[in-house]
Amino acid sequence: MAAHDMAKDDTPDVEVKAFGRFIVADPRICHGKWTVRGTRILVSVVLEQVADGDDWEAIVRNWRGKVTREAIREAVLLARDALLATTGEDRTAAGLGLLTPG
């Protein structure tokens, strides 16, 4: 059987990393970059849309529902966690009373 004919589940020694309910890194999909589970939609692209000020409902519509509000929220929170981890900062907006935890 040719490699391209091999089903995903038949690929040996592949570790899919889940970063929550919606965000995963699968080496077989988009070279292991973070994607929305079950899609090839890169988390970095969704975060760019958020950074550009796109309304979350518009993002959901643009991806035809494949990216949910919950997935966007998870991506933003993971990005926040990455920032906090790299800066050593331990305060969060919710902890400071600036946001209501969702």
C-alpha atoms as a PDB file:
ATOM      1  CA  MET A   1       0.000   0.000   0.000  1.00  0.00           C
ATOM      2  CA  ALA A   2       1.362   3.428  -0.944  1.00  0.00           C
ATOM      3  CA  ALA A   3       1.873   5.937   1.859  1.00  0.00           C
ATOM      4  CA  HIS A   4      -0.727   8.291   0.416  1.00  0.00           C
ATOM      5  CA  ASP A   5      -3.281   5.451   0.484  1.00  0.00           C
ATOM      6  CA  MET A   6      -2.760   4.831   4.186  1.00  0.00           C
ATOM      7  CA  ALA A   7      -5.659   5.949   6.342  1.00  0.00           C
ATOM      8  CA  LYS A   8      -4.894   8.450   9.107  1.00  0.00           C
ATOM      9  CA  ASP A   9      -5.608   5.846  11.783  1.00  0.00           C
ATOM     10  CA  ASP A  10      -3.074   3.471  10.174  1.00  0.00           C
ATOM     11  CA  THR A  11      -0.173   5.924  10.511  1.00  0.00           C
ATOM     12  CA  PRO A  12       2.183   4.541  13.152  1.00  0.00           C
ATOM     13  CA  ASP A  13       3.609   6.552  16.028  1.00  0.00           C
ATOM     14  CA  VAL A  14       1.637   9.724  15.401  1.00  0.00           C
ATOM     15  CA  GLU A  15       0.823  11.786  18.440  1.00  0.00           C
ATOM     16  CA  VAL A  16      -2.058  14.207  18.191  1.00  0.00           C
ATOM     17  CA  LYS A  17      -1.763  16.899  20.859  1.00  0.00           C
ATOM     18  CA  ALA A  18      -5.011  18.331  22.157  1.00  0.00           C
ATOM     19  CA  PHE A  19      -4.776  21.776  23.718  1.00  0.00           C
ATOM     20  CA  GLY A  20      -8.419  21.848  24.722  1.00  0.00           C
ATOM     21  CA  ARG A  21     -11.722  20.731  23.269  1.00  0.00           C
ATOM     22  CA  PHE A  22     -11.253  22.538  19.950  1.00  0.00           C
ATOM     23  CA  ILE A  23      -7.543  23.142  19.309  1.00  0.00           C
ATOM     24  CA  VAL A  24      -5.185  20.344  18.235  1.00  0.00           C
ATOM     25  CA  ALA A  25      -1.792  19.785  16.644  1.00  0.00           C
ATOM     26  CA  ASP A  26      -1.692  16.727  14.394  1.00  0.00           C
ATOM     27  CA  PRO A  27       1.544  16.099  12.487  1.00  0.00           C
ATOM     28  CA  ARG A  28      -0.527  14.718   9.602  1.00  0.00           C
ATOM     29  CA  ILE A  29      -2.475  17.954   9.210  1.00  0.00           C
ATOM     30  CA  CYS A  30      -0.877  21.272   8.245  1.00  0.00           C
ATOM     31  CA  HIS A  31       2.578  20.017   9.281  1.00  0.00           C
ATOM     32  CA  GLY A  32       1.512  19.806  12.927  1.00  0.00           C
ATOM     33  CA  LYS A  33       0.535  23.446  13.249  1.00  0.00           C
ATOM     34  CA  TRP A  34      -2.306  24.236  15.628  1.00  0.00           C
ATOM     35  CA  THR A  35      -5.672  23.818  13.909  1.00  0.00           C
ATOM     36  CA  VAL A  36      -9.326  23.737  14.830  1.00  0.00           C
ATOM     37  CA  ARG A  37     -10.209  20.090  15.502  1.00  0.00           C
ATOM     38  CA  GLY A  38     -11.538  18.295  12.430  1.00  0.00           C
ATOM     39  CA  THR A  39     -10.413  21.030  10.026  1.00  0.00           C
ATOM     40  CA  ARG A  40      -7.338  22.437   8.331  1.00  0.00           C
ATOM     41  CA  ILE A  41      -8.144  25.887   9.682  1.00  0.00           C
ATOM     42  CA  LEU A  42      -5.045  27.311  11.335  1.00  0.00           C
ATOM     43  CA  VAL A  43      -5.473  28.830  14.779  1.00  0.00           C
ATOM     44  CA  SER A  44      -3.038  31.571  13.759  1.00  0.00           C
ATOM     45  CA  VAL A  45      -5.402  32.652  10.976  1.00  0.00           C
ATOM     46  CA  VAL A  46      -8.356  32.812  13.365  1.00  0.00           C
ATOM     47  CA  LEU A  47      -6.280  34.840  15.837  1.00  0.00           C
ATOM     48  CA  GLU A  48      -5.328  37.232  13.012  1.00  0.00           C
ATOM     49  CA  GLN A  49      -9.020  37.712  12.266  1.00  0.00           C
ATOM     50  CA  VAL A  50      -9.650  38.509  15.940  1.00  0.00           C
ATOM     51  CA  ALA A  51      -6.672  40.898  16.004  1.00  0.00           C
ATOM     52  CA  ASP A  52      -7.986  42.612  12.870  1.00  0.00           C
ATOM     53  CA  GLY A  53     -11.187  43.354  14.790  1.00  0.00           C
ATOM     54  CA  ASP A  54     -13.423  40.898  12.968  1.00  0.00           C
ATOM     55  CA  ASP A  55     -16.611  40.211  14.877  1.00  0.00           C
ATOM     56  CA  TRP A  56     -16.653  36.660  16.240  1.00  0.00           C
ATOM     57  CA  GLU A  57     -19.996  35.944  14.606  1.00  0.00           C
ATOM     58  CA  ALA A  58     -18.515  37.062  11.270  1.00  0.00           C
ATOM     59  CA  ILE A  59     -15.591  34.685  11.798  1.00  0.00           C
ATOM     60  CA  VAL A  60     -18.030  31.839  12.477  1.00  0.00           C
ATOM     61  CA  ARG A  61     -19.962  32.731   9.305  1.00  0.00           C
ATOM     62  CA  ASN A  62     -16.813  33.082   7.192  1.00  0.00           C
ATOM     63  CA  TRP A  63     -15.728  29.569   8.180  1.00  0.00           C
ATOM     64  CA  ARG A  64     -19.291  28.281   7.633  1.00  0.00           C
ATOM     65  CA  GLY A  65     -19.640  27.208  11.250  1.00  0.00           C
ATOM     66  CA  LYS A  66     -16.488  25.062  11.247  1.00  0.00           C
ATOM     67  CA  VAL A  67     -14.998  27.539  13.725  1.00  0.00           C
ATOM     68  CA  THR A  68     -17.371  28.123  16.634  1.00  0.00           C
ATOM     69  CA  ARG A  69     -17.406  30.949  19.163  1.00  0.00           C
ATOM     70  CA  GLU A  70     -16.192  28.418  21.714  1.00  0.00           C
ATOM     71  CA  ALA A  71     -13.228  27.503  19.477  1.00  0.00           C
ATOM     72  CA  ILE A  72     -12.358  31.191  19.043  1.00  0.00           C
ATOM     73  CA  ARG A  73     -12.525  31.712  22.806  1.00  0.00           C
ATOM     74  CA  GLU A  74     -10.272  28.707  23.389  1.00  0.00           C
ATOM     75  CA  ALA A  75      -7.759  30.018  20.828  1.00  0.00           C
ATOM     76  CA  VAL A  76      -7.679  33.445  22.482  1.00  0.00           C
ATOM     77  CA  LEU A  77      -7.246  31.935  25.946  1.00  0.00           C
ATOM     78  CA  LEU A  78      -4.438  29.668  24.711  1.00  0.00           C
ATOM     79  CA  ALA A  79      -2.728  32.694  23.157  1.00  0.00           C
ATOM     80  CA  ARG A  80      -3.088  34.526  26.469  1.00  0.00           C
ATOM     81  CA  ASP A  81      -1.633  31.527  28.335  1.00  0.00           C
ATOM     82  CA  ALA A  82       1.327  31.455  25.934  1.00  0.00           C
ATOM     83  CA  LEU A  83       1.955  35.157  26.525  1.00  0.00           C
ATOM     84  CA  LEU A  84       1.771  34.748  30.287  1.00  0.00           C
ATOM     85  CA  ALA A  85       4.114  31.748  30.144  1.00  0.00           C
ATOM     86  CA  THR A  86       6.720  33.622  28.126  1.00  0.00           C
ATOM     87  CA  THR A  87       6.595  36.801  30.203  1.00  0.00           C
ATOM     88  CA  GLY A  88       6.297  35.210  33.635  1.00  0.00           C
ATOM     89  CA  GLU A  89       3.275  37.395  34.296  1.00  0.00           C
ATOM     90  CA  ASP A  90       0.743  35.729  36.566  1.00  0.00           C
ATOM     91  CA  ARG A  91      -2.060  38.261  36.561  1.00  0.00           C
ATOM     92  CA  THR A  92      -5.051  37.831  34.298  1.00  0.00           C
ATOM     93  CA  ALA A  93      -7.734  40.311  33.291  1.00  0.00           C
ATOM     94  CA  ALA A  94     -10.331  38.169  35.078  1.00  0.00           C
ATOM     95  CA  GLY A  95      -8.120  38.009  38.183  1.00  0.00           C
ATOM     96  CA  LEU A  96      -7.819  41.775  38.161  1.00  0.00           C
ATOM     97  CA  GLY A  97     -11.598  42.127  37.891  1.00  0.00           C
ATOM     98  CA  LEU A  98     -11.406  43.517  34.347  1.00  0.00           C
ATOM     99  CA  LEU A  99     -13.307  40.613  32.779  1.00  0.00           C
ATOM    100  CA  THR A 100     -15.982  38.252  33.881  1.00  0.00           C
ATOM    101  CA  PRO A 101     -14.688  34.681  33.525  1.00  0.00           C
ATOM    102  CA  GLY A 102     -16.640  32.896  30.790  1.00  0.00           C
END
